Amino acid sequence: MSGTSRYGFIEGRLVDEGTTPVDLSVFGAYKRRAEARFAATAGLRWTAIAPLEVYGARDPGSYLTFVYERVRARRFFLIGPGDNRWSLCNVKNVADAIVKVAPGDGCGVVNVADAQPWSQ
C-alpha cells in the first residue's frame, strides 16, 4: 500500500502515477524510497496501490466524515467558490484493485479513486 503522500503537497493540478513529487514529508519520502528499491530489484513482481482520500462504512476518522459532520452541524466554512475537485476512493475500490492486480506481473504504482472527482 502506498498513498498520496508519495506526491507531496501539490495544489491546483491533476496528479497521475508519473507526477514528479514536490515538498515530500518524511513519510512520503520513505514511500518513494521503498518504491525505488522495489523497481531496482530485477525480477521482482510488485505493485503499490495508492488510494486517494479513502472513505467507507464505519470509518469515524476520515476527512470525508469530518466534513460531513461539520456540514450537518452548520459549522463548515467553504473558502472560495467550491468548484475545486477532490478525488475520493471508496474502500471497496481499494479492495477490488488489490484483487485485480495481485495475480498479475506487477504494475508499479497504481492510483485508485472513484470514477469521478467531486467538488466541495
Protein backbone atom coordinates (compact mmCIF):
# COMPACT_ATOMS: atom_id res chain seq x y z
CA MET A 1 0.00 0.00 0.00
CA SER A 2 1.12 3.49 -0.79
CA GLY A 3 -0.81 6.74 -0.81
CA THR A 4 -0.86 10.31 -1.96
CA SER A 5 1.93 11.28 0.44
CA ARG A 6 4.23 9.90 -2.30
CA TYR A 7 3.46 13.04 -4.36
CA GLY A 8 3.95 15.70 -1.69
CA PHE A 9 1.85 18.83 -1.46
CA ILE A 10 0.60 19.51 -5.00
CA GLU A 11 -2.05 22.14 -5.45
CA GLY A 12 -4.04 23.15 -8.49
CA ARG A 13 -3.13 20.38 -10.95
CA LEU A 14 -4.01 16.81 -11.71
CA VAL A 15 -1.85 14.05 -10.28
CA ASP A 16 -1.09 10.76 -12.02
CA GLU A 17 1.40 7.96 -11.43
CA GLY A 18 4.13 9.84 -13.29
CA THR A 19 3.78 13.12 -11.37
CA THR A 20 7.09 14.44 -10.05
CA PRO A 21 6.95 14.79 -6.26
CA VAL A 22 7.30 18.16 -4.53
CA ASP A 23 7.72 19.08 -0.85
CA LEU A 24 7.68 15.48 0.37
CA SER A 25 7.02 14.74 4.02
CA VAL A 26 9.33 12.26 5.73
CA PHE A 27 6.60 9.63 5.29
CA GLY A 28 6.22 10.42 1.57
CA ALA A 29 9.98 10.33 1.05
CA TYR A 30 10.16 6.85 2.60
CA LYS A 31 7.31 5.69 0.36
CA ARG A 32 9.30 6.88 -2.68
CA ARG A 33 12.50 5.21 -1.43
CA ALA A 34 10.73 1.88 -0.88
CA GLU A 35 9.16 2.01 -4.36
CA ALA A 36 12.55 2.83 -5.90
CA ARG A 37 14.08 -0.22 -4.20
CA PHE A 38 11.29 -2.44 -5.49
CA ALA A 39 11.73 -1.07 -9.01
CA ALA A 40 15.51 -1.64 -8.88
CA THR A 41 15.17 -5.30 -7.87
CA ALA A 42 15.44 -7.42 -11.02
CA GLY A 43 12.61 -9.91 -11.44
CA LEU A 44 10.55 -8.59 -8.53
CA ARG A 45 6.81 -8.54 -9.24
CA TRP A 46 5.36 -5.56 -7.34
CA THR A 47 2.50 -3.11 -7.33
CA ALA A 48 1.98 -0.19 -4.94
CA ILE A 49 -1.71 0.65 -4.66
CA ALA A 50 -2.01 4.41 -3.99
CA PRO A 51 -5.59 5.23 -3.00
CA LEU A 52 -6.63 8.84 -2.70
CA GLU A 53 -8.93 10.01 0.14
CA VAL A 54 -10.44 6.68 1.30
CA TYR A 55 -13.92 6.52 2.80
CA GLY A 56 -16.31 3.75 3.77
CA ALA A 57 -18.77 2.48 6.32
CA ARG A 58 -17.71 2.65 9.97
CA ASP A 59 -14.73 4.94 9.37
CA PRO A 60 -15.09 7.68 12.00
CA GLY A 61 -11.64 9.21 11.35
CA SER A 62 -11.76 10.08 7.65
CA TYR A 63 -11.65 13.63 6.34
CA LEU A 64 -14.90 12.99 4.48
CA THR A 65 -16.62 12.12 7.78
CA PHE A 66 -15.12 15.26 9.32
CA VAL A 67 -16.57 17.45 6.54
CA TYR A 68 -19.96 15.67 6.65
CA GLU A 69 -20.27 16.17 10.41
CA ARG A 70 -19.34 19.84 10.14
CA VAL A 71 -21.86 20.45 7.34
CA ARG A 72 -24.63 18.74 9.36
CA ALA A 73 -23.76 20.89 12.38
CA ARG A 74 -23.71 24.02 10.17
CA ARG A 75 -20.08 24.58 11.17
CA PHE A 76 -18.35 24.07 7.82
CA PHE A 77 -16.97 27.13 6.10
CA LEU A 78 -16.15 26.87 2.42
CA ILE A 79 -13.34 29.09 1.24
CA GLY A 80 -13.58 30.01 -2.43
CA PRO A 81 -16.34 29.18 -4.93
CA GLY A 82 -16.39 25.43 -4.14
CA ASP A 83 -15.54 24.33 -7.68
CA ASN A 84 -12.24 22.72 -6.70
CA ARG A 85 -12.09 18.98 -7.34
CA TRP A 86 -11.49 16.34 -4.69
CA SER A 87 -10.78 12.73 -5.63
CA LEU A 88 -12.24 10.18 -3.24
CA CYS A 89 -11.87 6.42 -3.08
CA ASN A 90 -14.39 4.04 -1.55
CA VAL A 91 -12.75 1.28 0.46
CA LYS A 92 -14.42 -1.26 -1.89
CA ASN A 93 -12.47 0.23 -4.81
CA VAL A 94 -9.23 -0.31 -2.89
CA ALA A 95 -10.13 -3.95 -2.22
CA ASP A 96 -11.17 -4.50 -5.85
CA ALA A 97 -7.87 -3.01 -7.09
CA ILE A 98 -5.84 -5.28 -4.83
CA VAL A 99 -7.73 -8.37 -6.01
CA LYS A 100 -7.27 -7.33 -9.65
CA VAL A 101 -3.51 -6.69 -9.55
CA ALA A 102 -2.45 -9.40 -7.06
CA PRO A 103 -2.20 -12.30 -9.55
CA GLY A 104 -0.55 -10.18 -12.28
CA ASP A 105 3.03 -9.41 -13.23
CA GLY A 106 3.20 -6.19 -11.21
CA CYS A 107 2.24 -2.70 -12.31
CA GLY A 108 4.46 -0.37 -10.28
CA VAL A 109 2.47 2.45 -8.73
CA VAL A 110 -1.29 2.49 -9.41
CA ASN A 111 -3.54 5.33 -8.22
CA VAL A 112 -7.02 4.22 -7.17
CA ALA A 113 -10.01 6.56 -6.99
CA ASP A 114 -13.73 6.72 -7.63
CA ALA A 115 -14.81 7.20 -11.24
CA GLN A 116 -15.19 10.97 -10.86
CA PRO A 117 -13.81 13.67 -8.57
CA TRP A 118 -16.27 15.69 -6.51
CA SER A 119 -16.48 19.41 -5.88
CA GLN A 120 -16.63 20.75 -2.36
